[in-house]
Amino acid sequence: MDAVTAVAIDGEQAFGMIGTLLWTALRVGGLLMAMPLIGTRALPARIRVMAALALALALAPLLPAPPAWRGFDAATVLSIARELAVGVAMGFMLRLVFEAGALAGELISQGTGLSFAQMSDPLRGVNSGVVGQWFYLAFGLLFFAANGHLAMVALLVRSYDALPIGAALPDPAAALAVAPAFFAAVLRGAATLALPVMVAMLAVNLAFGVLSRAAPALNPIQLGLPVSVLIGLFLIAVLAGELGPPVQALYDAAFDAAARLTR
């Protein structure tokens, strides 16, 4: 083998490795762009792209070989769109869990009188209550503390085994059947987190309402707001120690729903 042939073979191998990396980066990038924390505006797009390429480089040798490159024909364009759609769908399942935490925080803030405390949320790109942002960050800390990032990588590897690159998408009806059940579980989880504090604050507000009718000279309405805020903060502090099991159940439901999308 002469030097020219060796260089040509090395060039083909290099282009094959780059192609494998790019095919893998499509699904990985779609997942990272759609998932919470990493896929938010708080993290620059350049950092997200670098993270997607680094993760794709680590996973590419472990995955089945992608289809051979045949140019930009219709089948290739559909395969690219398919990979992006699968990654975005899995990341969106995880994002819904974090939105459940933000919803629980908004429900709690309405009952405790903290709903007026609004500020810009860099993670979601909207103005939201500080209690909702606190729940969002708490869900993020619990995600990494429970090794959710490792479970995400394992989910990616299993998705390539169940749905290799270039394979046809599963039955759309089966995939669409996953969404309503998971969405209902997310709403139920948010209500379950917020319900104890909401019921306690309802009892406090009813007590002040009765007091305002029995002794209006005490001006209980003016006293009710600071007392409600203090009691609400105390209840949130108590709730913080009990977030682990219900949040873990939501994460398990999200990973299970994301896995069923690729079956």
Protein backbone atom coordinates (compact mmCIF):
# COMPACT_ATOMS: atom_id res chain seq x y z
CA MET A 1 0.00 0.00 0.00
CA ASP A 2 1.53 3.28 -1.11
CA ALA A 3 1.34 6.56 0.78
CA VAL A 4 -1.46 8.00 -1.41
CA THR A 5 -3.73 4.99 -0.78
CA ALA A 6 -3.03 5.16 2.96
CA VAL A 7 -3.93 8.85 3.08
CA ALA A 8 -7.14 8.17 1.13
CA ILE A 9 -8.16 5.40 3.52
CA ASP A 10 -7.40 7.57 6.53
CA GLY A 11 -9.47 10.36 5.00
CA GLU A 12 -12.44 8.04 4.49
CA GLN A 13 -12.18 6.85 8.09
CA ALA A 14 -12.01 10.42 9.34
CA PHE A 15 -15.11 11.43 7.34
CA GLY A 16 -16.89 8.31 8.60
CA MET A 17 -16.12 9.23 12.21
CA ILE A 18 -17.31 12.80 11.64
CA GLY A 19 -20.52 11.52 10.06
CA THR A 20 -21.16 9.17 12.98
CA LEU A 21 -20.56 12.04 15.41
CA LEU A 22 -22.96 14.35 13.58
CA TRP A 23 -25.68 11.71 13.32
CA THR A 24 -25.39 11.03 17.05
CA ALA A 25 -25.31 14.74 17.89
CA LEU A 26 -28.73 15.28 16.29
CA ARG A 27 -30.71 13.31 18.87
CA VAL A 28 -28.39 14.30 21.72
CA GLY A 29 -28.61 17.97 20.75
CA GLY A 30 -32.40 17.84 20.47
CA LEU A 31 -32.62 16.37 23.96
CA LEU A 32 -30.26 18.93 25.51
CA MET A 33 -31.95 21.87 23.77
CA ALA A 34 -35.40 20.84 25.00
CA MET A 35 -34.60 19.67 28.51
CA PRO A 36 -34.70 22.07 31.50
CA LEU A 37 -31.67 23.84 33.01
CA ILE A 38 -29.30 22.98 30.14
CA GLY A 39 -31.73 23.98 27.39
CA THR A 40 -32.64 27.36 28.89
CA ARG A 41 -31.58 30.86 27.92
CA ALA A 42 -29.44 31.11 31.03
CA LEU A 43 -26.86 28.87 29.32
CA PRO A 44 -25.30 30.27 26.12
CA ALA A 45 -26.10 28.42 22.91
CA ARG A 46 -22.40 27.87 22.24
CA ILE A 47 -22.01 26.01 25.52
CA ARG A 48 -25.05 23.87 24.75
CA VAL A 49 -23.67 22.93 21.34
CA MET A 50 -20.30 22.05 22.86
CA ALA A 51 -22.00 19.89 25.50
CA ALA A 52 -24.04 18.10 22.82
CA LEU A 53 -20.94 17.40 20.72
CA ALA A 54 -18.96 16.19 23.74
CA LEU A 55 -21.74 13.83 24.83
CA ALA A 56 -22.21 12.60 21.26
CA LEU A 57 -18.47 11.94 20.98
CA ALA A 58 -18.59 9.85 24.15
CA LEU A 59 -21.68 7.88 23.08
CA ALA A 60 -20.89 7.33 19.38
CA PRO A 61 -18.57 4.29 19.88
CA LEU A 62 -21.25 2.55 22.00
CA LEU A 63 -24.10 2.93 19.51
CA PRO A 64 -25.08 1.05 16.34
CA ALA A 65 -23.48 2.31 13.15
CA PRO A 66 -25.49 5.03 11.38
CA PRO A 67 -26.63 4.56 7.77
CA ALA A 68 -24.17 5.24 4.98
CA TRP A 69 -24.11 8.80 3.66
CA ARG A 70 -25.98 9.09 0.36
CA GLY A 71 -26.18 12.86 0.05
CA PHE A 72 -29.00 15.22 0.90
CA ASP A 73 -31.89 13.27 -0.54
CA ALA A 74 -35.42 13.09 0.84
CA ALA A 75 -34.66 10.05 3.00
CA THR A 76 -31.70 11.80 4.64
CA VAL A 77 -33.71 14.94 5.38
CA LEU A 78 -36.48 12.85 6.94
CA SER A 79 -33.91 10.94 9.02
CA ILE A 80 -32.46 14.22 10.31
CA ALA A 81 -35.93 15.51 11.21
CA ARG A 82 -36.71 12.16 12.88
CA GLU A 83 -33.60 12.29 15.07
CA LEU A 84 -34.32 15.85 16.14
CA ALA A 85 -37.98 15.03 16.87
CA VAL A 86 -37.06 12.04 19.06
CA GLY A 87 -34.53 14.05 21.06
CA VAL A 88 -36.87 17.02 21.53
CA ALA A 89 -39.74 14.74 22.60
CA MET A 90 -37.62 13.08 25.29
CA GLY A 91 -36.32 16.41 26.55
CA PHE A 92 -39.82 17.87 26.62
CA MET A 93 -40.93 15.09 28.98
CA LEU A 94 -38.28 16.16 31.47
CA ARG A 95 -39.18 19.82 31.04
CA LEU A 96 -42.79 19.10 31.98
CA VAL A 97 -41.65 17.77 35.37
CA PHE A 98 -39.88 21.06 36.11
CA GLU A 99 -42.95 22.98 34.99
CA ALA A 100 -44.92 20.94 37.52
CA GLY A 101 -42.63 22.33 40.21
CA ALA A 102 -43.13 25.87 38.93
CA LEU A 103 -46.90 25.33 38.89
CA ALA A 104 -46.83 24.07 42.48
CA GLY A 105 -44.89 27.19 43.47
CA GLU A 106 -47.40 29.47 41.76
CA LEU A 107 -50.31 27.74 43.52
CA ILE A 108 -48.58 28.09 46.88
CA SER A 109 -47.73 31.74 46.28
CA GLN A 110 -51.38 32.50 45.54
CA GLY A 111 -52.43 31.12 48.91
CA THR A 112 -49.64 32.63 50.98
CA GLY A 113 -49.84 36.17 49.64
CA LEU A 114 -46.45 35.94 47.93
CA SER A 115 -47.85 36.16 44.41
CA PHE A 116 -46.97 39.87 44.26
CA ALA A 117 -43.26 38.99 44.47
CA GLN A 118 -42.53 38.74 40.75
CA MET A 119 -39.18 38.88 39.02
CA SER A 120 -37.58 37.92 35.72
CA ASP A 121 -36.85 34.21 35.47
CA PRO A 122 -33.71 33.61 33.36
CA LEU A 123 -34.29 29.84 33.29
CA ARG A 124 -37.75 30.07 31.73
CA GLY A 125 -37.55 33.43 29.98
CA VAL A 126 -40.69 34.84 31.63
CA ASN A 127 -41.70 36.84 34.70
CA SER A 128 -42.75 34.48 37.47
CA GLY A 129 -43.11 34.40 41.23
CA VAL A 130 -40.11 33.84 43.42
CA VAL A 131 -41.74 30.77 45.00
CA GLY A 132 -42.18 29.19 41.57
CA GLN A 133 -38.54 29.92 40.75
CA TRP A 134 -37.47 28.40 44.04
CA PHE A 135 -39.36 25.20 43.26
CA TYR A 136 -37.82 25.14 39.77
CA LEU A 137 -34.32 25.37 41.22
CA ALA A 138 -35.15 22.81 43.91
CA PHE A 139 -36.27 20.38 41.21
CA GLY A 140 -32.96 20.99 39.41
CA LEU A 141 -30.91 20.27 42.53
CA LEU A 142 -32.89 17.10 43.19
CA PHE A 143 -32.42 16.08 39.55
CA PHE A 144 -28.64 16.08 39.84
CA ALA A 145 -28.66 14.76 43.42
CA ALA A 146 -30.70 11.73 42.28
CA ASN A 147 -28.28 11.11 39.37
CA GLY A 148 -30.88 12.22 36.87
CA HIS A 149 -28.13 13.22 34.43
CA LEU A 150 -26.82 9.65 34.44
CA ALA A 151 -30.34 8.33 33.93
CA MET A 152 -30.65 10.72 30.98
CA VAL A 153 -27.51 9.28 29.37
CA ALA A 154 -28.81 5.74 29.94
CA LEU A 155 -32.12 6.79 28.36
CA LEU A 156 -30.26 8.04 25.29
CA VAL A 157 -28.36 4.77 24.90
CA ARG A 158 -31.53 2.69 25.26
CA SER A 159 -33.32 4.90 22.75
CA TYR A 160 -30.68 4.10 20.13
CA ASP A 161 -31.10 0.38 20.83
CA ALA A 162 -34.89 0.61 20.47
CA LEU A 163 -34.88 3.13 17.61
CA PRO A 164 -31.56 3.11 15.70
CA ILE A 165 -30.51 6.00 13.49
CA GLY A 166 -32.38 5.84 10.20
CA ALA A 167 -35.09 3.51 11.50
CA ALA A 168 -38.75 4.34 11.03
CA LEU A 169 -40.60 6.04 13.85
CA PRO A 170 -42.86 3.87 16.02
CA ASP A 171 -46.62 3.93 15.73
CA PRO A 172 -47.70 7.58 16.18
CA ALA A 173 -50.91 6.49 17.89
CA ALA A 174 -48.95 4.64 20.57
CA ALA A 175 -46.69 7.65 21.09
CA LEU A 176 -49.63 10.03 21.33
CA ALA A 177 -51.27 7.75 23.89
CA VAL A 178 -48.34 8.37 26.24
CA ALA A 179 -48.79 12.16 26.35
CA PRO A 180 -52.25 12.47 27.99
CA ALA A 181 -51.45 10.01 30.79
CA PHE A 182 -48.12 11.67 31.53
CA PHE A 183 -49.61 15.17 31.38
CA ALA A 184 -52.27 14.10 33.87
CA ALA A 185 -49.57 12.67 36.14
CA VAL A 186 -47.65 15.95 35.98
CA LEU A 187 -50.71 18.00 36.94
CA ARG A 188 -51.53 15.56 39.71
CA GLY A 189 -47.98 15.79 41.03
CA ALA A 190 -48.06 19.59 41.04
CA ALA A 191 -51.39 19.61 42.90
CA THR A 192 -50.10 17.01 45.38
CA LEU A 193 -47.09 19.18 46.22
CA ALA A 194 -49.09 22.37 46.64
CA LEU A 195 -52.22 20.96 48.30
CA PRO A 196 -50.95 20.70 51.93
CA VAL A 197 -49.78 24.32 52.00
CA MET A 198 -52.92 25.52 50.21
CA VAL A 199 -55.22 23.77 52.69
CA ALA A 200 -53.25 25.11 55.66
CA MET A 201 -53.35 28.65 54.28
CA LEU A 202 -57.07 28.31 53.57
CA ALA A 203 -57.61 27.47 57.24
CA VAL A 204 -55.52 30.52 58.26
CA ASN A 205 -57.50 32.83 55.95
CA LEU A 206 -60.80 31.45 57.24
CA ALA A 207 -59.65 32.05 60.81
CA PHE A 208 -58.83 35.68 60.04
CA GLY A 209 -62.16 36.03 58.24
CA VAL A 210 -64.04 34.83 61.30
CA LEU A 211 -61.92 37.11 63.51
CA SER A 212 -62.72 40.11 61.32
CA ARG A 213 -66.45 39.45 61.82
CA ALA A 214 -66.14 38.82 65.56
CA ALA A 215 -63.76 41.66 66.46
CA PRO A 216 -63.51 44.21 63.65
CA ALA A 217 -61.83 46.70 65.99
CA LEU A 218 -58.67 44.57 65.97
CA ASN A 219 -58.30 45.21 62.23
CA PRO A 220 -57.45 41.56 61.48
CA ILE A 221 -57.32 42.18 57.72
CA GLN A 222 -54.22 44.34 58.14
CA LEU A 223 -52.70 41.76 60.45
CA GLY A 224 -53.58 38.81 58.22
CA LEU A 225 -51.13 39.51 55.38
CA PRO A 226 -47.87 39.48 57.38
CA VAL A 227 -49.06 36.49 59.41
CA SER A 228 -50.00 34.62 56.22
CA VAL A 229 -46.59 35.35 54.70
CA LEU A 230 -44.74 34.13 57.80
CA ILE A 231 -46.83 30.99 58.08
CA GLY A 232 -46.42 30.38 54.35
CA LEU A 233 -42.64 30.65 54.56
CA PHE A 234 -42.63 28.26 57.52
CA LEU A 235 -44.76 25.74 55.61
CA ILE A 236 -42.52 25.99 52.54
CA ALA A 237 -39.50 25.29 54.75
CA VAL A 238 -41.26 22.23 56.16
CA LEU A 239 -42.27 21.12 52.66
CA ALA A 240 -38.68 21.41 51.44
CA GLY A 241 -37.68 18.44 53.58
CA GLU A 242 -40.43 16.29 52.04
CA LEU A 243 -39.85 17.01 48.35
CA GLY A 244 -37.65 14.00 47.66
CA PRO A 245 -40.13 11.10 47.21
CA PRO A 246 -42.84 12.92 45.19
CA VAL A 247 -40.26 14.58 42.92
CA GLN A 248 -38.50 11.25 42.39
CA ALA A 249 -41.85 9.73 41.41
CA LEU A 250 -42.32 12.48 38.82
CA TYR A 251 -38.84 11.86 37.42
CA ASP A 252 -39.53 8.12 37.18
CA ALA A 253 -42.76 8.84 35.31
CA ALA A 254 -40.93 11.21 32.94
CA PHE A 255 -38.18 8.70 32.11
CA ASP A 256 -40.75 5.94 31.67
CA ALA A 257 -42.83 8.10 29.31
CA ALA A 258 -39.73 9.12 27.34
CA ALA A 259 -38.69 5.47 27.03
CA ARG A 260 -42.16 4.48 25.76
CA LEU A 261 -41.91 7.09 23.01
CA THR A 262 -39.15 5.08 21.30
CA ARG A 263 -40.70 1.62 21.64
